[in-house]
Amino acid sequence: GFCWYYFSFCILEGARIAGDMTNLRATFLLMSAFLIGFVFIYLTGYRKVKESTLLKLFPVRVFVIYIISLVSIFIVLVLYGITVVDKIDVSLVYKQLGSISIPAIIGASAADLIGRE
């Protein structure tokens, strides 16, 4: 129950906040989300991996998780009816992705770490 409430709250509140957000702030949030995902995965699971493996696979893994989380946000926005596919406002969708990206990357990173164990 709590997870569904948190998920719904993040999506709905993030989409509402995005209307008043600038593109610059959305860009900052998107970059911050990537950095948070990078640090989150590194600090919780990849310190045990050899440096050579870390440098090859780690950035790719973080990038894939990041892209999957952004695609998931878009799909959920469409399913909730917040973003209408026929009338997409690219700037608004960009701001919505930015506003929801941090909770999404934290959830995706946590799921990746839990799935590895």
C-alpha atoms as a PDB file:
ATOM      1  CA  GLY A   1       0.000   0.000   0.000  1.00  0.00           C
ATOM      2  CA  PHE A   2       2.684   2.494   1.016  1.00  0.00           C
ATOM      3  CA  CYS A   3       4.810   1.848  -2.086  1.00  0.00           C
ATOM      4  CA  TRP A   4       1.834   2.414  -4.398  1.00  0.00           C
ATOM      5  CA  TYR A   5       0.895   5.599  -2.541  1.00  0.00           C
ATOM      6  CA  TYR A   6       4.475   6.900  -2.735  1.00  0.00           C
ATOM      7  CA  PHE A   7       4.717   6.011  -6.426  1.00  0.00           C
ATOM      8  CA  SER A   8       1.412   7.699  -7.267  1.00  0.00           C
ATOM      9  CA  PHE A   9       2.260  10.754  -5.185  1.00  0.00           C
ATOM     10  CA  CYS A  10       5.634  11.204  -6.925  1.00  0.00           C
ATOM     11  CA  ILE A  11       4.095  10.921 -10.381  1.00  0.00           C
ATOM     12  CA  LEU A  12       1.098  13.172  -9.755  1.00  0.00           C
ATOM     13  CA  GLU A  13       2.927  15.785  -7.710  1.00  0.00           C
ATOM     14  CA  GLY A  14       5.916  15.805 -10.065  1.00  0.00           C
ATOM     15  CA  ALA A  15       3.651  16.325 -13.053  1.00  0.00           C
ATOM     16  CA  ARG A  16       1.881  19.180 -11.259  1.00  0.00           C
ATOM     17  CA  ILE A  17       5.131  20.892 -10.251  1.00  0.00           C
ATOM     18  CA  ALA A  18       6.500  20.584 -13.798  1.00  0.00           C
ATOM     19  CA  GLY A  19       4.040  23.148 -15.103  1.00  0.00           C
ATOM     20  CA  ASP A  20       5.771  25.925 -13.142  1.00  0.00           C
ATOM     21  CA  MET A  21       9.311  24.702 -13.774  1.00  0.00           C
ATOM     22  CA  THR A  22      11.831  26.123 -16.219  1.00  0.00           C
ATOM     23  CA  ASN A  23      13.697  23.996 -18.761  1.00  0.00           C
ATOM     24  CA  LEU A  24      16.961  24.921 -17.044  1.00  0.00           C
ATOM     25  CA  ARG A  25      15.736  23.516 -13.741  1.00  0.00           C
ATOM     26  CA  ALA A  26      14.500  20.359 -15.503  1.00  0.00           C
ATOM     27  CA  THR A  27      17.941  19.933 -17.080  1.00  0.00           C
ATOM     28  CA  PHE A  28      19.561  20.359 -13.665  1.00  0.00           C
ATOM     29  CA  LEU A  29      17.221  17.751 -12.167  1.00  0.00           C
ATOM     30  CA  LEU A  30      17.918  15.286 -15.000  1.00  0.00           C
ATOM     31  CA  MET A  31      21.682  15.672 -14.555  1.00  0.00           C
ATOM     32  CA  SER A  32      21.304  15.390 -10.780  1.00  0.00           C
ATOM     33  CA  ALA A  33      19.272  12.212 -11.177  1.00  0.00           C
ATOM     34  CA  PHE A  34      22.008  10.635 -13.285  1.00  0.00           C
ATOM     35  CA  LEU A  35      24.649  11.626 -10.729  1.00  0.00           C
ATOM     36  CA  ILE A  36      22.527  10.313  -7.848  1.00  0.00           C
ATOM     37  CA  GLY A  37      22.038   6.999  -9.660  1.00  0.00           C
ATOM     38  CA  PHE A  38      25.777   6.785 -10.333  1.00  0.00           C
ATOM     39  CA  VAL A  39      26.694   7.460  -6.694  1.00  0.00           C
ATOM     40  CA  PHE A  40      23.883   5.299  -5.304  1.00  0.00           C
ATOM     41  CA  ILE A  41      24.889   2.219  -7.285  1.00  0.00           C
ATOM     42  CA  TYR A  42      28.609   2.753  -6.705  1.00  0.00           C
ATOM     43  CA  LEU A  43      28.386   3.254  -2.944  1.00  0.00           C
ATOM     44  CA  THR A  44      26.057   0.347  -2.357  1.00  0.00           C
ATOM     45  CA  GLY A  45      27.390  -2.356  -4.592  1.00  0.00           C
ATOM     46  CA  TYR A  46      30.244  -1.714  -6.950  1.00  0.00           C
ATOM     47  CA  ARG A  47      33.091  -0.905  -4.571  1.00  0.00           C
ATOM     48  CA  LYS A  48      33.903  -4.625  -4.432  1.00  0.00           C
ATOM     49  CA  VAL A  49      34.421  -4.861  -8.199  1.00  0.00           C
ATOM     50  CA  LYS A  50      37.896  -4.584  -9.752  1.00  0.00           C
ATOM     51  CA  GLU A  51      38.764  -1.157 -11.186  1.00  0.00           C
ATOM     52  CA  SER A  52      39.133  -2.414 -14.779  1.00  0.00           C
ATOM     53  CA  THR A  53      35.679  -4.001 -14.722  1.00  0.00           C
ATOM     54  CA  LEU A  54      34.267  -0.943 -13.004  1.00  0.00           C
ATOM     55  CA  LEU A  55      35.478   1.428 -15.685  1.00  0.00           C
ATOM     56  CA  LYS A  56      34.080  -0.719 -18.514  1.00  0.00           C
ATOM     57  CA  LEU A  57      30.701  -1.876 -17.262  1.00  0.00           C
ATOM     58  CA  PHE A  58      29.638   0.537 -14.563  1.00  0.00           C
ATOM     59  CA  PRO A  59      28.919   3.645 -16.711  1.00  0.00           C
ATOM     60  CA  VAL A  60      26.989   1.528 -19.214  1.00  0.00           C
ATOM     61  CA  ARG A  61      24.937  -0.057 -16.450  1.00  0.00           C
ATOM     62  CA  VAL A  62      24.085   3.309 -14.892  1.00  0.00           C
ATOM     63  CA  PHE A  63      23.198   4.772 -18.306  1.00  0.00           C
ATOM     64  CA  VAL A  64      20.892   1.845 -19.122  1.00  0.00           C
ATOM     65  CA  ILE A  65      19.151   2.104 -15.739  1.00  0.00           C
ATOM     66  CA  TYR A  66      18.779   5.869 -16.249  1.00  0.00           C
ATOM     67  CA  ILE A  67      17.245   5.504 -19.721  1.00  0.00           C
ATOM     68  CA  ILE A  68      14.894   2.757 -18.522  1.00  0.00           C
ATOM     69  CA  SER A  69      13.705   4.971 -15.675  1.00  0.00           C
ATOM     70  CA  LEU A  70      13.034   7.892 -18.062  1.00  0.00           C
ATOM     71  CA  VAL A  71      11.134   5.667 -20.497  1.00  0.00           C
ATOM     72  CA  SER A  72       9.143   4.256 -17.576  1.00  0.00           C
ATOM     73  CA  ILE A  73       8.228   7.765 -16.423  1.00  0.00           C
ATOM     74  CA  PHE A  74       6.932   8.622 -19.896  1.00  0.00           C
ATOM     75  CA  ILE A  75       4.902   5.409 -20.126  1.00  0.00           C
ATOM     76  CA  VAL A  76       3.334   5.994 -16.710  1.00  0.00           C
ATOM     77  CA  LEU A  77       2.506   9.604 -17.595  1.00  0.00           C
ATOM     78  CA  VAL A  78       0.718   8.358 -20.709  1.00  0.00           C
ATOM     79  CA  LEU A  79      -1.089   5.591 -18.788  1.00  0.00           C
ATOM     80  CA  TYR A  80      -2.260   8.057 -16.114  1.00  0.00           C
ATOM     81  CA  GLY A  81      -3.527  10.348 -18.865  1.00  0.00           C
ATOM     82  CA  ILE A  82      -1.279  13.205 -17.778  1.00  0.00           C
ATOM     83  CA  THR A  83       0.514  13.239 -21.124  1.00  0.00           C
ATOM     84  CA  VAL A  84      -1.685  12.817 -24.182  1.00  0.00           C
ATOM     85  CA  VAL A  85       0.185  11.206 -27.079  1.00  0.00           C
ATOM     86  CA  ASP A  86      -1.850  13.046 -29.728  1.00  0.00           C
ATOM     87  CA  LYS A  87      -0.998  16.479 -28.328  1.00  0.00           C
ATOM     88  CA  ILE A  88       2.501  16.171 -26.858  1.00  0.00           C
ATOM     89  CA  ASP A  89       3.990  19.403 -25.549  1.00  0.00           C
ATOM     90  CA  VAL A  90       7.682  18.495 -25.711  1.00  0.00           C
ATOM     91  CA  SER A  91       8.716  21.201 -23.252  1.00  0.00           C
ATOM     92  CA  LEU A  92       6.155  20.085 -20.670  1.00  0.00           C
ATOM     93  CA  VAL A  93       7.085  16.403 -21.060  1.00  0.00           C
ATOM     94  CA  TYR A  94      10.756  17.345 -20.623  1.00  0.00           C
ATOM     95  CA  LYS A  95       9.930  19.215 -17.423  1.00  0.00           C
ATOM     96  CA  GLN A  96       7.782  16.317 -16.183  1.00  0.00           C
ATOM     97  CA  LEU A  97      10.635  13.887 -16.819  1.00  0.00           C
ATOM     98  CA  GLY A  98      12.961  16.192 -14.908  1.00  0.00           C
ATOM     99  CA  SER A  99      10.646  16.594 -11.951  1.00  0.00           C
ATOM    100  CA  ILE A 100      10.078  12.849 -11.560  1.00  0.00           C
ATOM    101  CA  SER A 101      13.565  11.630 -12.506  1.00  0.00           C
ATOM    102  CA  ILE A 102      15.147  11.606  -9.034  1.00  0.00           C
ATOM    103  CA  PRO A 103      12.592   9.308  -7.348  1.00  0.00           C
ATOM    104  CA  ALA A 104      12.583   7.160 -10.505  1.00  0.00           C
ATOM    105  CA  ILE A 105      16.364   6.675 -10.622  1.00  0.00           C
ATOM    106  CA  ILE A 106      16.478   5.905  -6.902  1.00  0.00           C
ATOM    107  CA  GLY A 107      13.774   3.275  -7.344  1.00  0.00           C
ATOM    108  CA  ALA A 108      15.382   1.811 -10.452  1.00  0.00           C
ATOM    109  CA  SER A 109      18.815   1.691  -8.798  1.00  0.00           C
ATOM    110  CA  ALA A 110      17.390   0.040  -5.696  1.00  0.00           C
ATOM    111  CA  ALA A 111      15.571  -2.525  -7.831  1.00  0.00           C
ATOM    112  CA  ASP A 112      18.777  -3.261  -9.727  1.00  0.00           C
ATOM    113  CA  LEU A 113      20.690  -3.780  -6.482  1.00  0.00           C
ATOM    114  CA  ILE A 114      17.984  -5.960  -4.943  1.00  0.00           C
ATOM    115  CA  GLY A 115      17.776  -8.045  -8.118  1.00  0.00           C
ATOM    116  CA  ARG A 116      21.519  -8.729  -8.078  1.00  0.00           C
ATOM    117  CA  GLU A 117      21.503 -10.358  -4.648  1.00  0.00           C
END
